[in-house]
Each structure stands twice: as C-alpha cells, then as structure tokens.
C-alpha cells in the first residue's frame, strides 16, 4: 500500500509543480494566465514559486515513501 501512496503523492507533486511553473512563467514573462491554477486562485507571480516548492516537496516525499517500501519487502 505504501508503494501506491508513494506513486500517488509523487504524481500529484509533478502536476502541482508543473502548474506552478506554467503559471509563474506565463504571468512573469508574458503577462497572461495559462494553466488551470490561475482559474482557481488569484495569486501574485511570486506565490507560484511557493507552489513550485510544494510540488518539489511532494515529489521528494513520494520518492522517499516508495523507496522505503521497496527496502522493507521480504527477500
């Protein structure tokens, strides 16, 4: 079960991080709103850097959980 949770958290992290990158880049460099995140919340461009960091934390946590579950399997 932990392996499934690790993959799920990691996958969510990739999506959150990618949306943060797209939203930050679109507002900072193009003055437009791309992606679905700006449709949900109205944040300044620097707040999307925090969302990118959240995505990275979720990816790292998912990888750590998945690798911990692989090391605990009986031989």
N, C-alpha and C. Protein backbone atom coordinates (compact mmCIF):
# COMPACT_ATOMS: atom_id res chain seq x y z
N UNK A 1 0.82 -1.20 0.00
CA UNK A 1 0.00 0.00 0.00
C UNK A 1 0.86 1.26 0.00
N UNK A 2 2.00 1.22 0.69
CA UNK A 2 2.86 2.40 0.75
C UNK A 2 3.42 2.72 -0.63
N UNK A 3 3.66 1.71 -1.44
CA UNK A 3 4.17 1.95 -2.78
C UNK A 3 3.14 2.72 -3.60
N UNK A 4 1.88 2.35 -3.49
CA UNK A 4 0.82 3.04 -4.21
C UNK A 4 0.72 4.48 -3.72
N UNK A 5 0.81 4.69 -2.41
CA UNK A 5 0.74 6.04 -1.86
C UNK A 5 1.93 6.86 -2.35
N UNK A 6 3.11 6.26 -2.39
CA UNK A 6 4.29 6.97 -2.88
C UNK A 6 4.14 7.42 -4.31
N UNK A 7 3.63 6.54 -5.17
CA UNK A 7 3.41 6.91 -6.57
C UNK A 7 2.36 8.01 -6.69
N UNK A 8 1.31 7.93 -5.88
CA UNK A 8 0.23 8.92 -5.95
C UNK A 8 0.73 10.29 -5.51
N UNK A 9 1.43 10.37 -4.40
CA UNK A 9 1.96 11.64 -3.91
C UNK A 9 2.95 12.21 -4.91
N UNK A 10 3.79 11.36 -5.47
CA UNK A 10 4.76 11.80 -6.46
C UNK A 10 4.06 12.35 -7.71
N UNK A 11 3.04 11.68 -8.17
CA UNK A 11 2.29 12.13 -9.34
C UNK A 11 1.60 13.46 -9.10
N UNK A 12 0.99 13.62 -7.94
CA UNK A 12 0.36 14.89 -7.59
C UNK A 12 1.41 16.00 -7.54
N UNK A 13 2.57 15.67 -7.00
CA UNK A 13 3.65 16.65 -6.94
C UNK A 13 4.09 17.14 -8.31
N UNK A 14 4.18 16.22 -9.27
CA UNK A 14 4.54 16.61 -10.63
C UNK A 14 3.51 17.56 -11.23
N UNK A 15 2.24 17.27 -11.03
CA UNK A 15 1.18 18.11 -11.58
C UNK A 15 1.18 19.49 -10.92
N UNK A 16 1.27 19.52 -9.59
CA UNK A 16 1.27 20.79 -8.86
C UNK A 16 2.49 21.63 -9.26
N UNK A 17 3.66 21.00 -9.31
CA UNK A 17 4.87 21.72 -9.70
C UNK A 17 4.80 22.25 -11.12
N UNK A 18 4.30 21.45 -12.03
CA UNK A 18 4.19 21.89 -13.43
C UNK A 18 3.21 23.05 -13.56
N UNK A 19 2.11 23.00 -12.85
CA UNK A 19 1.16 24.10 -12.90
C UNK A 19 1.76 25.37 -12.30
N UNK A 20 2.57 25.22 -11.25
CA UNK A 20 3.24 26.36 -10.67
C UNK A 20 4.23 27.00 -11.64
N UNK A 21 4.98 26.16 -12.35
CA UNK A 21 5.95 26.67 -13.34
C UNK A 21 5.22 27.39 -14.46
N UNK A 22 4.17 26.78 -14.99
CA UNK A 22 3.42 27.39 -16.10
C UNK A 22 2.79 28.70 -15.66
N UNK A 23 2.20 28.73 -14.49
CA UNK A 23 1.54 29.95 -14.02
C UNK A 23 2.55 31.06 -13.75
N UNK A 24 3.67 30.72 -13.13
CA UNK A 24 4.70 31.73 -12.85
C UNK A 24 5.27 32.29 -14.14
N UNK A 25 5.63 31.40 -15.07
CA UNK A 25 6.23 31.85 -16.32
C UNK A 25 5.25 32.68 -17.15
N UNK A 26 4.01 32.26 -17.18
CA UNK A 26 3.04 32.99 -18.02
C UNK A 26 2.77 34.39 -17.48
N UNK A 27 2.67 34.53 -16.17
CA UNK A 27 2.41 35.85 -15.60
C UNK A 27 3.65 36.73 -15.61
N UNK A 28 4.81 36.13 -15.37
CA UNK A 28 6.04 36.92 -15.28
C UNK A 28 6.54 37.37 -16.64
N UNK A 29 6.57 36.47 -17.59
CA UNK A 29 7.20 36.76 -18.88
C UNK A 29 6.23 37.18 -19.98
N UNK A 30 4.98 36.76 -19.88
CA UNK A 30 4.03 37.02 -20.96
C UNK A 30 2.83 37.88 -20.55
N UNK A 31 2.63 38.09 -19.26
CA UNK A 31 1.50 38.89 -18.79
C UNK A 31 0.16 38.25 -19.04
N UNK A 32 0.13 36.95 -19.19
CA UNK A 32 -1.11 36.21 -19.45
C UNK A 32 -1.31 35.18 -18.34
N UNK A 33 -2.43 34.51 -18.38
CA UNK A 33 -2.71 33.45 -17.41
C UNK A 33 -2.92 32.14 -18.15
N UNK A 34 -1.96 31.24 -17.98
CA UNK A 34 -2.06 29.92 -18.59
C UNK A 34 -2.26 28.88 -17.50
N UNK A 35 -2.76 27.72 -17.89
CA UNK A 35 -2.96 26.64 -16.94
C UNK A 35 -4.27 26.79 -16.19
N UNK A 36 -4.55 25.83 -15.32
CA UNK A 36 -5.81 25.86 -14.59
C UNK A 36 -5.68 26.50 -13.22
N UNK A 37 -4.47 26.66 -12.72
CA UNK A 37 -4.29 27.22 -11.38
C UNK A 37 -4.75 28.68 -11.27
N UNK A 38 -4.44 29.55 -12.23
CA UNK A 38 -4.96 30.93 -12.13
C UNK A 38 -6.48 31.03 -12.24
N UNK A 39 -7.10 30.00 -12.78
CA UNK A 39 -8.56 29.98 -12.85
C UNK A 39 -9.18 29.69 -11.48
N UNK A 40 -8.40 29.03 -10.62
CA UNK A 40 -8.89 28.67 -9.28
C UNK A 40 -8.59 29.74 -8.24
N UNK A 41 -7.38 30.32 -8.30
CA UNK A 41 -6.96 31.31 -7.30
C UNK A 41 -6.29 32.48 -8.01
N UNK A 42 -6.39 33.64 -7.39
CA UNK A 42 -5.75 34.84 -7.93
C UNK A 42 -4.55 35.16 -7.04
N UNK A 43 -3.38 34.74 -7.48
CA UNK A 43 -2.16 34.91 -6.70
C UNK A 43 -1.16 35.77 -7.46
N UNK A 44 -0.28 36.46 -6.73
CA UNK A 44 0.80 37.17 -7.42
C UNK A 44 1.81 36.17 -7.97
N UNK A 45 2.59 36.57 -8.96
CA UNK A 45 3.54 35.62 -9.57
C UNK A 45 4.51 34.99 -8.58
N UNK A 46 4.94 35.73 -7.56
CA UNK A 46 5.89 35.15 -6.62
C UNK A 46 5.27 34.05 -5.76
N UNK A 47 3.97 34.06 -5.57
CA UNK A 47 3.32 32.99 -4.80
C UNK A 47 3.40 31.66 -5.54
N UNK A 48 3.48 31.72 -6.86
CA UNK A 48 3.60 30.48 -7.62
C UNK A 48 4.94 29.80 -7.40
N UNK A 49 5.94 30.55 -6.96
CA UNK A 49 7.21 29.92 -6.60
C UNK A 49 7.03 29.00 -5.40
N UNK A 50 6.17 29.40 -4.47
CA UNK A 50 5.84 28.54 -3.34
C UNK A 50 5.11 27.28 -3.78
N UNK A 51 4.28 27.41 -4.78
CA UNK A 51 3.56 26.25 -5.31
C UNK A 51 4.54 25.29 -6.00
N UNK A 52 5.53 25.86 -6.68
CA UNK A 52 6.58 25.02 -7.27
C UNK A 52 7.31 24.26 -6.17
N UNK A 53 7.65 24.96 -5.09
CA UNK A 53 8.34 24.31 -3.96
C UNK A 53 7.47 23.21 -3.35
N UNK A 54 6.17 23.46 -3.23
CA UNK A 54 5.26 22.44 -2.71
C UNK A 54 5.27 21.21 -3.61
N UNK A 55 5.26 21.42 -4.91
CA UNK A 55 5.33 20.29 -5.84
C UNK A 55 6.61 19.49 -5.67
N UNK A 56 7.74 20.19 -5.47
CA UNK A 56 9.01 19.50 -5.27
C UNK A 56 9.02 18.71 -3.97
N UNK A 57 8.41 19.25 -2.93
CA UNK A 57 8.32 18.54 -1.66
C UNK A 57 7.46 17.29 -1.81
N UNK A 58 6.36 17.40 -2.52
CA UNK A 58 5.50 16.23 -2.74
C UNK A 58 6.22 15.16 -3.55
N UNK A 59 6.96 15.56 -4.56
CA UNK A 59 7.71 14.58 -5.36
C UNK A 59 8.76 13.89 -4.49
N UNK A 60 9.51 14.67 -3.72
CA UNK A 60 10.53 14.08 -2.87
C UNK A 60 9.93 13.16 -1.81
N UNK A 61 8.81 13.55 -1.23
CA UNK A 61 8.14 12.70 -0.25
C UNK A 61 7.63 11.41 -0.87
N UNK A 62 7.10 11.49 -2.07
CA UNK A 62 6.62 10.29 -2.75
C UNK A 62 7.73 9.33 -3.09
N UNK A 63 8.85 9.87 -3.55
CA UNK A 63 10.01 9.02 -3.88
C UNK A 63 10.54 8.37 -2.62
N UNK A 64 10.63 9.14 -1.54
CA UNK A 64 11.14 8.59 -0.27
C UNK A 64 10.23 7.49 0.25
N UNK A 65 8.92 7.70 0.19
CA UNK A 65 7.96 6.69 0.65
C UNK A 65 8.04 5.43 -0.21
N UNK A 66 8.16 5.62 -1.51
CA UNK A 66 8.23 4.48 -2.41
C UNK A 66 9.50 3.68 -2.20
N UNK A 67 10.63 4.36 -2.03
CA UNK A 67 11.90 3.64 -1.84
C UNK A 67 11.95 2.97 -0.48
N UNK A 68 11.33 3.56 0.54
CA UNK A 68 11.28 2.94 1.86
C UNK A 68 10.46 1.66 1.80
N UNK A 69 9.38 1.67 1.03
CA UNK A 69 8.55 0.48 0.90
C UNK A 69 9.28 -0.63 0.15
N UNK A 70 10.10 -0.27 -0.82
CA UNK A 70 10.86 -1.27 -1.57
C UNK A 70 11.93 -1.94 -0.71
N UNK A 71 12.51 -1.19 0.23
CA UNK A 71 13.54 -1.75 1.08
C UNK A 71 12.97 -2.66 2.17
N UNK A 72 11.69 -2.54 2.48
CA UNK A 72 11.07 -3.33 3.53
C UNK A 72 10.48 -4.65 3.03
N UNK A 73 10.47 -4.88 1.73
CA UNK A 73 9.92 -6.12 1.20
C UNK A 73 10.78 -7.30 1.64
N UNK A 74 10.14 -8.41 2.00
CA UNK A 74 10.93 -9.58 2.42
C UNK A 74 11.69 -10.19 1.25
N UNK A 75 12.85 -10.73 1.53
CA UNK A 75 13.70 -11.31 0.49
C UNK A 75 13.32 -12.71 0.14
